[in-house]
Amino acid sequence: MTVPPHPSVLVIGEALMDITDSAAGVIETPGGGPANVALGLARRGVDTALLASLGRDARGLVIAAHLEESGVSVHPDTFHDRATSTARATLDETGAATYDFDISWEIPEAVSVDEPAVIHTGSLATFLEPGADAVAQLLAAHPAAVVTFDPNIRPALVGSPAAARARFEGIARRAAVVKLSDEDADFLFPETDLPDVLDAILALGPRLVAITRGGAGAILSTATDRIEVAAPRVSVVDTIGAGDTFMASLLTEPSVRAGVAPSAADLQEIGERAVAAAAVTVSRAGADLPWESELTL
């Protein structure tokens, strides 16, 4: 699939094969945080392109087809001759996942992308070399784009908390929107209360910061307003893709894509829509993000 000349959102980051190991057996499904965000956006009707790193092997072709079937335009420079990365998720009795990664992240030094309105990035792609530096260079090459960022920390792969925080802060300074989980916050800002984490990130320059808290919902904050939203009660199958669904929902919001701070009333509605979308994903297996027709809020 060719990349549209000016996608509404260009997502930069890893796409990989999730290998889920549970009591029901082992299954393989396409995944990767940024790829999931791209999938969620396309299923919500947002014109979305993805620049990732996929092998031309069987797994890479399956992942690309899966994304394209939902309307994602996969950038041609995504493909290479190495093996496609994998993440093995082991589910406990509650459906919570722990991960074991076999991943490399590298994109070409010279990538041709037309000016997107929004660039979303995050996860391993913003921490793992050599691709992390290429991501930073792409952000610098598109100063007019609104940048959104989800660090989606994987402690075993991002280095020391101090090094990860330095890289996080470098991108957060460029970002209009930052979303992270409470586990990300604990890693990057140890022994710091979430309100103080929000204040610290907002001081870097983003106009909107959101922290997800699993079944406890989420906190969304601008420089002037801060709200909490409760998560809907659902029967959880697994938590894979929940945070990515929340991020994709944020990016369906016009104010978020414009890079402006929402009003207090809008902030509440944005948060409620995001946790409702995430609730759909956790109610079914794998990173099966909702389509627009499945959301009624």
Protein backbone atom coordinates (compact mmCIF):
# COMPACT_ATOMS: atom_id res chain seq x y z
CA MET A 1 0.00 0.00 0.00
CA THR A 2 1.34 3.45 -0.86
CA VAL A 3 1.58 6.13 1.77
CA PRO A 4 -0.95 8.98 1.36
CA PRO A 5 0.72 12.30 0.47
CA HIS A 6 -0.17 13.98 3.77
CA PRO A 7 -1.47 11.51 6.36
CA SER A 8 -3.36 12.98 9.29
CA VAL A 9 -1.12 10.94 11.61
CA LEU A 10 2.26 9.37 10.90
CA VAL A 11 3.08 6.74 13.54
CA ILE A 12 6.76 5.91 13.97
CA GLY A 13 7.66 2.85 16.00
CA GLU A 14 7.88 -0.88 16.26
CA ALA A 15 5.55 -3.47 14.79
CA LEU A 16 6.15 -7.03 15.91
CA MET A 17 4.56 -10.40 16.42
CA ASP A 18 2.98 -10.98 19.82
CA ILE A 19 3.33 -14.59 20.94
CA THR A 20 0.78 -15.10 23.71
CA ASP A 21 1.37 -17.96 26.11
CA SER A 22 -1.57 -18.76 28.38
CA ALA A 23 -3.46 -21.70 29.81
CA ALA A 24 -5.36 -21.85 26.52
CA GLY A 25 -2.16 -22.41 24.52
CA VAL A 26 0.18 -20.35 22.35
CA ILE A 27 -1.08 -18.01 19.64
CA GLU A 28 0.63 -15.42 17.44
CA THR A 29 -0.98 -12.07 16.67
CA PRO A 30 0.39 -8.84 15.21
CA GLY A 31 1.32 -6.25 17.83
CA GLY A 32 3.80 -3.62 18.98
CA GLY A 33 2.66 -0.49 20.79
CA PRO A 34 3.02 2.03 17.94
CA ALA A 35 1.58 -0.42 15.41
CA ASN A 36 -1.40 -0.95 17.71
CA VAL A 37 -1.94 2.81 17.90
CA ALA A 38 -1.87 3.03 14.10
CA LEU A 39 -4.34 0.16 13.89
CA GLY A 40 -6.66 1.80 16.40
CA LEU A 41 -6.56 5.11 14.58
CA ALA A 42 -7.30 3.59 11.19
CA ARG A 43 -10.21 1.62 12.65
CA ARG A 44 -11.58 4.92 13.96
CA GLY A 45 -11.44 6.48 10.49
CA VAL A 46 -8.25 8.54 10.89
CA ASP A 47 -5.94 8.67 7.84
CA THR A 48 -2.87 6.92 9.28
CA ALA A 49 0.55 5.84 8.02
CA LEU A 50 3.07 3.68 9.89
CA LEU A 51 6.85 3.72 9.62
CA ALA A 52 8.07 0.61 11.42
CA SER A 53 10.71 -2.13 11.00
CA LEU A 54 9.48 -5.42 9.55
CA GLY A 55 11.25 -8.33 7.93
CA ARG A 56 10.19 -9.63 4.58
CA ASP A 57 9.55 -12.97 6.28
CA ALA A 58 6.25 -14.72 6.93
CA ARG A 59 5.62 -12.89 10.20
CA GLY A 60 6.39 -9.50 8.69
CA LEU A 61 4.04 -10.08 5.79
CA VAL A 62 1.26 -11.21 8.14
CA ILE A 63 1.69 -8.07 10.27
CA ALA A 64 1.68 -5.75 7.24
CA ALA A 65 -1.44 -7.40 5.82
CA HIS A 66 -3.19 -7.15 9.20
CA LEU A 67 -2.48 -3.43 9.40
CA GLU A 68 -3.44 -2.72 5.82
CA GLU A 69 -6.72 -4.63 6.17
CA SER A 70 -7.71 -2.09 8.83
CA GLY A 71 -6.71 0.85 6.65
CA VAL A 72 -3.15 1.60 7.82
CA SER A 73 -0.73 2.70 5.10
CA VAL A 74 2.58 0.94 5.77
CA HIS A 75 5.58 3.03 4.68
CA PRO A 76 7.78 1.20 2.12
CA ASP A 77 10.92 1.89 4.17
CA THR A 78 9.44 -0.27 6.91
CA PHE A 79 10.72 -3.47 5.27
CA HIS A 80 14.17 -5.07 5.59
CA ASP A 81 15.83 -8.47 5.19
CA ARG A 82 16.25 -9.29 8.90
CA ALA A 83 13.86 -11.38 10.99
CA THR A 84 10.70 -9.72 12.26
CA SER A 85 10.82 -8.89 15.96
CA THR A 86 8.70 -10.78 18.49
CA ALA A 87 7.33 -10.23 21.98
CA ARG A 88 6.25 -13.24 24.02
CA ALA A 89 3.47 -12.32 26.45
CA THR A 90 2.83 -14.71 29.32
CA LEU A 91 -0.59 -14.22 30.88
CA ASP A 92 -1.30 -14.86 34.56
CA GLU A 93 -4.64 -15.98 35.98
CA THR A 94 -5.94 -12.38 35.96
CA GLY A 95 -5.09 -11.80 32.28
CA ALA A 96 -2.16 -9.47 33.06
CA ALA A 97 0.80 -9.86 30.71
CA THR A 98 4.55 -10.04 31.27
CA TYR A 99 6.84 -9.80 28.23
CA ASP A 100 9.99 -11.35 26.82
CA PHE A 101 11.29 -9.50 23.76
CA ASP A 102 13.39 -10.58 20.78
CA ILE A 103 13.56 -7.25 19.05
CA SER A 104 15.79 -5.02 16.98
CA TRP A 105 14.87 -1.49 15.98
CA GLU A 106 16.44 0.20 13.00
CA ILE A 107 15.06 2.44 10.28
CA PRO A 108 16.96 3.95 7.34
CA GLU A 109 18.91 7.14 8.02
CA ALA A 110 17.25 8.83 5.05
CA VAL A 111 13.49 8.30 5.09
CA SER A 112 11.26 10.29 2.77
CA VAL A 113 7.99 11.25 4.44
CA ASP A 114 5.70 14.06 3.36
CA GLU A 115 4.77 16.57 6.05
CA PRO A 116 2.23 14.94 8.37
CA ALA A 117 -0.12 16.96 10.56
CA VAL A 118 0.71 14.74 13.56
CA ILE A 119 3.60 12.43 14.38
CA HIS A 120 3.00 9.87 17.08
CA THR A 121 5.92 7.90 18.47
CA GLY A 122 6.98 6.02 21.54
CA SER A 123 7.66 2.66 23.10
CA LEU A 124 10.89 0.81 22.29
CA ALA A 125 11.40 2.83 19.12
CA THR A 126 12.31 5.90 21.17
CA PHE A 127 14.82 4.07 23.39
CA LEU A 128 16.54 1.33 21.38
CA GLU A 129 19.48 2.20 19.17
CA PRO A 130 20.23 2.65 16.37
CA GLY A 131 16.63 3.49 15.52
CA ALA A 132 15.99 5.83 18.46
CA ASP A 133 18.36 8.47 17.10
CA ALA A 134 16.72 8.20 13.68
CA VAL A 135 13.33 8.85 15.31
CA ALA A 136 14.70 11.97 17.01
CA GLN A 137 16.08 13.17 13.69
CA LEU A 138 12.73 12.65 11.98
CA LEU A 139 10.97 14.68 14.67
CA ALA A 140 13.51 17.47 14.21
CA ALA A 141 13.01 17.36 10.44
CA HIS A 142 9.27 18.09 10.81
CA PRO A 143 9.05 21.08 13.14
CA ALA A 144 5.51 21.95 12.07
CA ALA A 145 4.07 18.57 13.06
CA VAL A 146 2.20 18.11 16.32
CA VAL A 147 4.08 15.39 18.23
CA THR A 148 2.42 12.91 20.60
CA PHE A 149 4.39 10.49 22.74
CA ASP A 150 3.76 7.31 24.74
CA PRO A 151 6.97 5.93 26.31
CA ASN A 152 5.39 2.53 27.06
CA ILE A 153 8.41 1.58 29.16
CA ARG A 154 9.86 -1.94 29.01
CA PRO A 155 12.34 -1.86 31.92
CA ALA A 156 14.48 -4.75 30.65
CA LEU A 157 15.16 -2.97 27.35
CA VAL A 158 15.41 0.77 27.97
CA GLY A 159 18.51 0.98 30.14
CA SER A 160 18.78 2.57 33.56
CA PRO A 161 15.92 4.71 34.86
CA ALA A 162 18.18 7.78 34.70
CA ALA A 163 19.14 7.16 31.07
CA ALA A 164 15.56 6.36 30.10
CA ARG A 165 14.29 9.49 31.82
CA ALA A 166 16.78 11.66 29.98
CA ARG A 167 15.62 10.27 26.65
CA PHE A 168 11.99 10.53 27.73
CA GLU A 169 12.38 14.18 28.69
CA GLY A 170 14.09 14.97 25.39
CA ILE A 171 11.06 13.83 23.40
CA ALA A 172 8.52 15.13 25.94
CA ARG A 173 9.94 18.65 25.42
CA ARG A 174 9.04 18.34 21.73
CA ALA A 175 5.62 16.77 22.36
CA ALA A 176 2.25 18.47 22.65
CA VAL A 177 0.70 15.35 24.21
CA VAL A 178 2.28 12.74 26.48
CA LYS A 179 0.48 9.60 27.63
CA LEU A 180 2.04 7.12 30.04
CA SER A 181 0.93 4.41 32.44
CA ASP A 182 1.31 4.50 36.21
CA GLU A 183 3.97 1.78 35.81
CA ASP A 184 5.86 4.03 33.36
CA ALA A 185 5.61 6.85 35.89
CA ASP A 186 6.98 4.64 38.67
CA PHE A 187 9.98 3.72 36.52
CA LEU A 188 10.75 7.21 35.24
CA PHE A 189 9.87 9.11 38.43
CA PRO A 190 10.49 6.70 41.32
CA GLU A 191 8.92 7.49 44.69
CA THR A 192 6.97 10.39 43.17
CA ASP A 193 3.22 10.84 43.55
CA LEU A 194 1.28 10.93 40.28
CA PRO A 195 0.19 14.58 40.71
CA ASP A 196 3.86 15.55 40.98
CA VAL A 197 4.69 13.41 37.94
CA LEU A 198 2.03 15.25 35.96
CA ASP A 199 3.42 18.61 37.08
CA ALA A 200 6.97 17.59 36.14
CA ILE A 201 5.97 16.51 32.65
CA LEU A 202 3.77 19.55 32.03
CA ALA A 203 6.72 21.74 33.02
CA LEU A 204 8.62 20.28 30.05
CA GLY A 205 6.09 21.83 27.67
CA PRO A 206 3.30 19.38 26.70
CA ARG A 207 -0.20 20.82 26.67
CA LEU A 208 -1.86 17.57 27.72
CA VAL A 209 -0.55 14.72 29.87
CA ALA A 210 -2.49 11.55 30.65
CA ILE A 211 -1.60 8.76 33.07
CA THR A 212 -3.51 5.50 32.79
CA ARG A 213 -4.04 3.38 35.92
CA GLY A 214 -5.48 0.11 34.60
CA GLY A 215 -8.73 -0.76 36.30
CA ALA A 216 -8.55 2.45 38.33
CA GLY A 217 -9.09 4.60 35.23
CA ALA A 218 -6.94 7.56 34.24
CA ILE A 219 -5.87 11.07 35.13
CA LEU A 220 -5.72 13.75 32.43
CA SER A 221 -4.13 17.13 33.01
CA THR A 222 -3.41 20.41 31.30
CA ALA A 223 -1.65 23.37 32.88
CA THR A 224 -5.00 24.65 34.19
CA ASP A 225 -7.27 21.61 34.62
CA ARG A 226 -6.94 18.10 36.02
CA ILE A 227 -9.59 15.39 35.98
CA GLU A 228 -9.91 11.72 36.89
CA VAL A 229 -12.02 9.24 34.96
CA ALA A 230 -13.10 5.81 36.18
CA ALA A 231 -12.68 2.73 34.03
CA PRO A 232 -15.88 0.94 33.03
CA ARG A 233 -16.41 -2.41 34.73
CA VAL A 234 -15.87 -5.21 32.25
CA SER A 235 -14.82 -8.84 32.33
CA VAL A 236 -11.09 -8.68 31.52
CA VAL A 237 -9.75 -11.29 29.09
CA ASP A 238 -6.29 -9.73 28.92
CA THR A 239 -4.73 -6.28 29.12
CA ILE A 240 -2.74 -6.41 25.86
CA GLY A 241 -3.24 -3.21 23.87
CA ALA A 242 -5.24 -1.35 26.52
CA GLY A 243 -2.84 1.57 26.78
CA ASP A 244 -2.44 1.70 23.00
CA THR A 245 -6.22 1.89 22.67
CA PHE A 246 -6.31 4.79 25.13
CA MET A 247 -3.62 6.59 23.12
CA ALA A 248 -5.38 5.98 19.82
CA SER A 249 -8.60 7.31 21.29
CA LEU A 250 -6.82 10.49 22.36
CA LEU A 251 -5.57 10.94 18.82
CA THR A 252 -9.08 10.74 17.38
CA GLU A 253 -9.88 13.96 19.24
CA PRO A 254 -9.59 17.13 17.08
CA SER A 255 -8.13 19.23 19.91
CA VAL A 256 -5.46 16.63 20.60
CA ARG A 257 -4.45 16.41 16.94
CA ALA A 258 -4.36 20.21 16.84
CA GLY A 259 -1.97 20.24 19.78
CA VAL A 260 -4.09 22.58 21.89
CA ALA A 261 -5.08 22.20 25.52
CA PRO A 262 -8.70 21.04 25.85
CA SER A 263 -11.13 22.84 28.11
CA ALA A 264 -12.05 21.22 31.43
CA ALA A 265 -15.37 19.97 30.02
CA ASP A 266 -13.72 18.61 26.89
CA LEU A 267 -11.00 16.98 28.99
CA GLN A 268 -13.60 14.99 30.91
CA GLU A 269 -15.28 13.77 27.74
CA ILE A 270 -11.95 12.93 26.10
CA GLY A 271 -10.95 10.85 29.11
CA GLU A 272 -14.27 9.05 29.29
CA ARG A 273 -14.13 8.14 25.62
CA ALA A 274 -10.56 6.86 25.98
CA VAL A 275 -11.27 4.56 28.96
CA ALA A 276 -14.43 3.29 27.24
CA ALA A 277 -12.40 2.36 24.14
CA ALA A 278 -9.76 0.62 26.27
CA ALA A 279 -12.50 -1.34 28.03
CA VAL A 280 -13.52 -2.85 24.69
CA THR A 281 -9.97 -4.03 24.04
CA VAL A 282 -9.46 -5.68 27.45
CA SER A 283 -12.76 -7.52 27.09
CA ARG A 284 -11.36 -9.66 24.26
CA ALA A 285 -8.15 -11.51 23.50
CA GLY A 286 -5.06 -9.75 22.18
CA ALA A 287 -4.63 -6.24 20.84
CA ASP A 288 -7.97 -6.23 19.02
CA LEU A 289 -8.66 -2.50 19.12
CA PRO A 290 -12.23 -1.27 18.57
CA TRP A 291 -13.73 -0.02 15.34
CA GLU A 292 -15.65 3.24 15.32
CA SER A 293 -18.93 1.34 14.98
CA GLU A 294 -18.27 -0.45 18.27
CA LEU A 295 -18.07 2.74 20.31
CA THR A 296 -21.24 4.56 21.30
CA LEU A 297 -20.03 7.07 23.91
